[in-house]
Protein backbone atom coordinates (compact mmCIF):
# COMPACT_ATOMS: atom_id res chain seq x y z
CA UNK A 1 0.01 0.00 0.01
CA UNK A 2 1.22 3.52 -0.71
CA UNK A 3 0.51 6.30 1.73
CA UNK A 4 -0.59 9.68 0.35
CA UNK A 5 2.40 11.96 0.03
CA UNK A 6 1.02 14.50 2.51
CA UNK A 7 0.51 11.79 5.15
CA UNK A 8 3.65 9.80 4.56
CA UNK A 9 6.05 12.58 5.56
CA UNK A 10 7.77 12.05 8.86
CA UNK A 11 6.91 15.65 9.84
CA UNK A 12 3.40 14.60 10.82
CA UNK A 13 4.43 11.42 12.63
CA UNK A 14 6.13 10.78 15.97
CA UNK A 15 9.67 9.42 15.52
CA UNK A 16 8.75 5.88 16.66
CA UNK A 17 5.97 5.74 14.08
CA UNK A 18 8.05 7.33 11.36
CA UNK A 19 10.72 4.66 11.92
CA UNK A 20 8.20 1.81 11.65
CA UNK A 21 7.27 0.03 8.43
CA UNK A 22 4.67 1.35 6.03
CA UNK A 23 1.90 -0.92 7.35
CA UNK A 24 2.41 0.39 10.90
CA UNK A 25 2.44 3.99 9.70
CA UNK A 26 -0.73 3.44 7.72
CA UNK A 27 -2.46 1.79 10.69
CA UNK A 28 -1.44 4.67 12.95
CA UNK A 29 -2.87 7.30 10.57
CA UNK A 30 -5.96 5.16 9.98
CA UNK A 31 -6.70 5.24 13.70
CA UNK A 32 -7.07 9.03 13.72
CA UNK A 33 -8.90 9.28 10.39
CA UNK A 34 -11.24 6.26 10.54
CA UNK A 35 -11.75 5.69 14.25
CA UNK A 36 -11.85 9.20 15.70
CA UNK A 37 -14.60 11.16 13.98
CA UNK A 38 -14.83 14.17 16.27
CA UNK A 39 -12.21 16.75 15.22
CA UNK A 40 -11.70 18.01 18.77
CA UNK A 41 -11.10 14.50 20.11
CA UNK A 42 -8.82 13.81 17.17
CA UNK A 43 -6.68 16.84 17.94
CA UNK A 44 -6.53 16.05 21.65
CA UNK A 45 -5.70 12.35 21.14
CA UNK A 46 -3.12 13.26 18.51
CA UNK A 47 -1.30 15.54 20.93
CA UNK A 48 -1.53 13.04 23.77
CA UNK A 49 -0.24 10.10 21.75
CA UNK A 50 2.57 12.10 20.15
CA UNK A 51 3.70 13.34 23.56
CA UNK A 52 3.76 9.81 24.95
CA UNK A 53 5.62 8.32 22.00
CA UNK A 54 8.19 11.12 22.03
CA UNK A 55 8.71 10.53 25.75
CA UNK A 56 9.23 6.83 25.06
CA UNK A 57 11.86 7.65 22.44
CA UNK A 58 13.71 9.79 24.98
CA UNK A 59 13.71 6.82 27.36
CA UNK A 60 15.53 4.72 24.77
CA UNK A 61 12.59 2.84 23.25
CA UNK A 62 13.44 2.07 19.64
CA UNK A 63 10.15 0.67 18.26
CA UNK A 64 6.44 0.47 19.02
CA UNK A 65 6.78 -3.19 19.95
CA UNK A 66 9.25 -2.35 22.75
CA UNK A 67 6.67 -0.27 24.67
CA UNK A 68 5.56 -2.12 27.80
CA UNK A 69 3.13 -1.53 30.66
CA UNK A 70 5.98 -0.16 32.75
CA UNK A 71 6.47 2.65 30.25
CA UNK A 72 2.82 3.55 30.23
CA UNK A 73 2.54 3.40 34.05
CA UNK A 74 5.64 5.56 34.51
CA UNK A 75 4.35 8.11 32.00
CA UNK A 76 0.92 8.33 33.66
CA UNK A 77 2.57 8.72 37.06
CA UNK A 78 4.66 11.63 35.75
CA UNK A 79 1.54 13.25 34.27
CA UNK A 80 -0.31 13.08 37.57
CA UNK A 81 2.50 15.07 39.19
CA UNK A 82 2.23 17.94 36.72
CA UNK A 83 -1.33 17.82 35.39
CA UNK A 84 -4.86 17.40 36.68
CA UNK A 85 -6.21 13.87 37.01
CA UNK A 86 -8.68 14.19 34.10
CA UNK A 87 -5.78 15.12 31.79
CA UNK A 88 -3.78 12.05 32.83
CA UNK A 89 -6.87 9.86 32.35
CA UNK A 90 -7.43 11.29 28.88
CA UNK A 91 -3.80 10.55 27.90
CA UNK A 92 -4.17 6.99 29.15
CA UNK A 93 -7.43 6.58 27.23
CA UNK A 94 -5.79 7.81 24.01
CA UNK A 95 -2.83 5.44 24.46
CA UNK A 96 -5.06 2.49 25.27
CA UNK A 97 -7.37 3.05 22.28
CA UNK A 98 -4.47 3.51 19.87
CA UNK A 99 -2.73 0.32 20.95
CA UNK A 100 -6.01 -1.63 20.80
CA UNK A 101 -6.15 -0.55 17.18
CA UNK A 102 -2.53 -1.47 16.56
CA UNK A 103 -3.05 -4.91 18.16
CA UNK A 104 -6.07 -5.71 15.98
CA UNK A 105 -4.02 -4.60 12.98
CA UNK A 106 -1.21 -6.97 14.03
CA UNK A 107 1.26 -4.15 14.32
CA UNK A 108 2.15 -4.93 17.96
CA UNK A 109 1.53 -8.21 19.86
CA UNK A 110 -0.20 -6.75 22.96
CA UNK A 111 -1.63 -3.53 24.36
CA UNK A 112 0.80 -2.17 27.00
CA UNK A 113 -1.86 0.10 28.49
CA UNK A 114 -4.46 -2.59 29.22
CA UNK A 115 -3.35 -3.28 32.79
CA UNK A 116 -2.45 0.33 33.71
CA UNK A 117 -4.89 2.06 35.98
CA UNK A 118 -5.41 5.81 35.78
CA UNK A 119 -5.52 8.17 38.75
CA UNK A 120 -8.65 8.24 40.85
CA UNK A 121 -10.84 11.22 40.15
CA UNK A 122 -14.27 12.14 41.41
CA UNK A 123 -15.83 15.37 40.22
CA UNK A 124 -19.16 16.58 41.54
CA UNK A 125 -18.97 20.10 40.15
CA UNK A 126 -17.50 21.67 37.04
CA UNK A 127 -14.49 23.95 37.22
CA UNK A 128 -15.22 26.15 34.19
CA UNK A 129 -15.78 29.77 35.32
CA UNK A 130 -19.36 30.93 34.80
CA UNK A 131 -21.05 34.33 34.86
CA UNK A 132 -23.98 35.48 36.94
CA UNK A 133 -27.14 36.35 35.00
CA UNK A 134 -26.38 40.04 35.58
CA UNK A 135 -22.86 39.68 34.18
CA UNK A 136 -24.06 37.73 31.13
CA UNK A 137 -26.74 40.37 30.45
CA UNK A 138 -24.19 43.15 30.85
CA UNK A 139 -21.84 41.44 28.43
CA UNK A 140 -24.49 41.12 25.74
CA UNK A 141 -25.66 44.72 26.16
CA UNK A 142 -22.09 46.02 26.12
CA UNK A 143 -21.47 44.55 22.67
CA UNK A 144 -24.23 46.58 21.04
CA UNK A 145 -25.13 46.65 17.37
CA UNK A 146 -22.95 49.36 15.81
CA UNK A 147 -21.17 47.06 13.34
CA UNK A 148 -21.63 43.69 11.67
CA UNK A 149 -18.93 42.22 13.87
CA UNK A 150 -20.86 43.43 16.94
CA UNK A 151 -24.05 41.76 15.65
CA UNK A 152 -22.22 38.53 14.87
CA UNK A 153 -20.42 38.33 18.21
CA UNK A 154 -23.54 39.16 20.19
CA UNK A 155 -25.57 36.51 18.33
CA UNK A 156 -22.89 33.84 18.89
CA UNK A 157 -22.57 34.50 22.62
CA UNK A 158 -26.36 34.63 23.00
CA UNK A 159 -26.66 31.31 21.18
CA UNK A 160 -24.29 29.64 23.61
CA UNK A 161 -26.04 31.18 26.61
CA UNK A 162 -29.68 30.58 25.69
CA UNK A 163 -29.40 27.22 23.88
CA UNK A 164 -26.57 25.78 26.03
CA UNK A 165 -24.73 25.04 22.77
CA UNK A 166 -21.18 23.77 22.74
CA UNK A 167 -18.91 26.15 20.87
CA UNK A 168 -18.12 23.52 18.22
CA UNK A 169 -21.82 23.05 17.52
CA UNK A 170 -22.35 26.82 17.40
CA UNK A 171 -19.46 27.69 15.08
CA UNK A 172 -20.32 24.73 12.85
CA UNK A 173 -23.86 25.96 12.15
CA UNK A 174 -25.02 27.02 8.70
CA UNK A 175 -27.64 29.65 8.02
CA UNK A 176 -30.19 26.90 7.27
CA UNK A 177 -29.78 25.67 10.85
CA UNK A 178 -31.83 28.67 11.98
CA UNK A 179 -35.42 28.09 10.88
CA UNK A 180 -39.08 28.82 11.72
CA UNK A 181 -41.28 26.23 13.36
CA UNK A 182 -44.51 26.70 15.26
CA UNK A 183 -44.20 30.46 14.72
CA UNK A 184 -40.91 30.55 16.62
CA UNK A 185 -37.33 30.54 15.55
CA UNK A 186 -35.49 27.29 16.18
CA UNK A 187 -31.83 26.30 15.96
CA UNK A 188 -30.40 22.98 14.81
CA UNK A 189 -27.12 22.00 16.47
CA UNK A 190 -24.79 19.31 15.12
CA UNK A 191 -23.38 17.94 18.35
CA UNK A 192 -20.60 15.50 19.17
CA UNK A 193 -20.92 11.99 17.73
CA UNK A 194 -23.05 13.23 14.82
CA UNK A 195 -26.04 13.87 17.08
CA UNK A 196 -28.62 16.35 15.78
CA UNK A 197 -30.13 18.53 18.48
CA UNK A 198 -32.97 21.02 17.97
CA UNK A 199 -33.91 23.83 20.33
CA UNK A 200 -36.52 26.62 20.23
CA UNK A 201 -35.01 30.07 20.65
CA UNK A 202 -35.42 32.21 23.74
CA UNK A 203 -37.05 35.52 22.67
CA UNK A 204 -33.79 37.41 23.28
CA UNK A 205 -31.79 34.94 21.18
CA UNK A 206 -34.43 35.20 18.44
CA UNK A 207 -34.00 38.98 18.35
CA UNK A 208 -30.18 38.75 18.22
CA UNK A 209 -30.19 36.16 15.43
CA UNK A 210 -32.75 38.08 13.42
CA UNK A 211 -30.71 41.28 13.67
CA UNK A 212 -27.53 39.49 12.57
CA UNK A 213 -29.13 37.69 9.61
CA UNK A 214 -30.90 40.80 8.41
CA UNK A 215 -27.83 43.04 8.57
CA UNK A 216 -25.42 40.47 7.15
CA UNK A 217 -27.71 39.57 4.21
CA UNK A 218 -26.94 35.91 4.89
CA UNK A 219 -30.56 34.87 5.10
CA UNK A 220 -30.60 34.10 1.36
CA UNK A 221 -27.54 31.83 1.60
CA UNK A 222 -28.74 28.76 3.52
CA UNK A 223 -25.46 26.85 3.01
CA UNK A 224 -23.22 29.71 4.23
CA UNK A 225 -21.71 29.51 7.73
CA UNK A 226 -23.91 31.21 10.26
CA UNK A 227 -20.92 32.82 12.00
CA UNK A 228 -18.33 33.59 9.30
CA UNK A 229 -15.04 35.42 9.68
CA UNK A 230 -14.36 38.89 8.24
CA UNK A 231 -11.78 39.93 5.70
CA UNK A 232 -10.39 43.09 7.17
CA UNK A 233 -9.42 46.19 5.29
CA UNK A 234 -11.95 45.98 2.46
CA UNK A 235 -14.12 48.78 3.80
CA UNK A 236 -17.33 47.08 2.85
CA UNK A 237 -18.85 47.39 6.30
CA UNK A 238 -17.88 49.67 9.16
CA UNK A 239 -15.78 48.13 11.85
CA UNK A 240 -15.56 44.78 10.20
CA UNK A 241 -14.48 44.35 6.64
CA UNK A 242 -15.93 42.00 4.06
CA UNK A 243 -17.73 38.86 5.16
CA UNK A 244 -15.98 35.67 4.10
CA UNK A 245 -17.67 32.30 3.69
CA UNK A 246 -15.31 30.65 6.20
CA UNK A 247 -16.74 29.71 9.56
CA UNK A 248 -15.19 31.00 12.77
CA UNK A 249 -12.96 28.43 14.47
CA UNK A 250 -13.08 27.66 18.17
CA UNK A 251 -9.87 29.64 18.76
CA UNK A 252 -11.49 32.55 16.89
CA UNK A 253 -14.47 32.37 19.22
CA UNK A 254 -12.26 32.12 22.31
CA UNK A 255 -10.26 35.23 21.30
CA UNK A 256 -13.50 37.08 20.63
CA UNK A 257 -15.01 36.09 23.99
CA UNK A 258 -11.89 37.19 25.92
CA UNK A 259 -11.80 40.48 24.00
CA UNK A 260 -15.47 41.20 24.60
CA UNK A 261 -15.26 40.30 28.31
CA UNK A 262 -12.27 42.61 28.80
CA UNK A 263 -14.10 45.44 27.06
CA UNK A 264 -17.11 44.89 29.29
CA UNK A 265 -14.98 45.03 32.45
CA UNK A 266 -15.51 41.36 33.32
CA UNK A 267 -12.45 40.14 35.24
CA UNK A 268 -13.47 36.43 35.39
CA UNK A 269 -11.19 34.51 32.96
CA UNK A 270 -14.10 33.14 30.91
CA UNK A 271 -13.93 30.97 27.77
CA UNK A 272 -16.26 29.44 25.25
CA UNK A 273 -17.61 26.85 27.66
CA UNK A 274 -18.51 29.50 30.23
CA UNK A 275 -21.78 30.25 28.51
CA UNK A 276 -23.03 26.69 28.54
CA UNK A 277 -22.61 26.59 32.32
CA UNK A 278 -23.98 30.10 32.71
CA UNK A 279 -27.18 29.29 30.82
CA UNK A 280 -27.76 25.97 32.55
CA UNK A 281 -27.23 27.43 36.02
CA UNK A 282 -29.58 30.33 35.27
CA UNK A 283 -32.20 27.87 34.02
CA UNK A 284 -31.92 25.67 37.13
CA UNK A 285 -31.93 28.69 39.48
CA UNK A 286 -35.26 29.77 38.01
CA UNK A 287 -37.06 26.52 38.73
CA UNK A 288 -35.82 24.35 35.85
CA UNK A 289 -35.31 20.64 36.47
CA UNK A 290 -32.16 18.61 35.98
CA UNK A 291 -34.09 16.18 33.74
CA UNK A 292 -35.15 18.93 31.36
CA UNK A 293 -31.73 20.57 31.57
CA UNK A 294 -30.15 17.27 30.49
CA UNK A 295 -32.49 17.11 27.46
CA UNK A 296 -31.85 20.75 26.52
CA UNK A 297 -28.10 20.38 26.87
CA UNK A 298 -28.18 17.06 25.00
CA UNK A 299 -26.24 15.21 27.70
CA UNK A 300 -26.29 11.43 27.51
CA UNK A 301 -25.50 11.10 31.23
CA UNK A 302 -27.42 13.13 33.86
CA UNK A 303 -24.25 13.24 35.96
CA UNK A 304 -22.70 15.44 33.28
CA UNK A 305 -25.54 17.92 33.64
CA UNK A 306 -24.95 18.07 37.39
CA UNK A 307 -21.41 19.29 36.78
CA UNK A 308 -22.92 22.44 35.28
CA UNK A 309 -25.22 23.08 38.22
CA UNK A 310 -23.48 25.89 40.10
CA UNK A 311 -26.29 26.95 42.35
CA UNK A 312 -24.22 25.93 45.38
CA UNK A 313 -21.79 28.75 44.59
CA UNK A 314 -24.40 31.35 45.54
CA UNK A 315 -25.30 29.46 48.73
CA UNK A 316 -21.63 29.42 49.71
CA UNK A 317 -21.24 33.16 49.03
CA UNK A 318 -24.32 33.93 51.14
CA UNK A 319 -23.01 31.84 54.02
CA UNK A 320 -19.52 33.41 53.90
CA UNK A 321 -21.07 36.84 54.39
CA UNK A 322 -22.43 35.64 57.72
CA UNK A 323 -18.91 35.93 59.14
CA UNK A 324 -19.52 39.42 60.55
CA UNK A 325 -16.11 40.59 61.68
């Protein structure tokens, strides 16, 4: 078999894989292209596996077949000393899944990660910073509607707040994913694992999306990205530049969120995922149920929804203020 030229170069492969035969290299690449469909998981697993294999090479390992459980266990132990437990567990999961694939492809005789146990980790509450309803409202109002970029950014943040959308699902939307049903605007989110999730729009989100689609003239282009980037310097629209037909990336959204938060005077180091937790907590604080929150957030496991429930934070703050000194 002949590998495509752009995949066969050693620049994209860890040294131990690059030094292996063509069948092993092909099987390695096949794992990431055929087995890992989610692009975010693919990127994370790719980094994790490359880091592990590079570490093995530094330890004197000369081939994939020389990697043993001792190597994996030592590597995971080192990770737990410098990283959070979930990070170490994700690295171990990536290594284990890759070697399962290599074993079934008869590249290596056994999976060295099978018997290695990851660090214990129990998480009852998420760690992503969230905003209070007042802060989220202030952020949206502070963006305004002076330029197309303002309208786009406000609509994207509102979508993540009011529909609990993951940033990947939000930035991956096309114009046709905003549609009318039952006299209300709905959004269609393409979630992880190819799941299709539909949500009716909150009236505020409906107004923000309508304003963006009307001003951008994207309503007549159903296949265009809902949240495209701008080509600066063309002068076509004030404060923005010409609209491209390239969707914003997650790093684009993160940079935008940080910039908007700073301009609004919000000191909390928020990110893309902040708005999912913010929306869910606001919903639960106003009488929503965990069962409905799980459905709206499209969580397979209700325990995942509970991680976003930050109502205890307010209780703790109230109790702390009782220390009248």
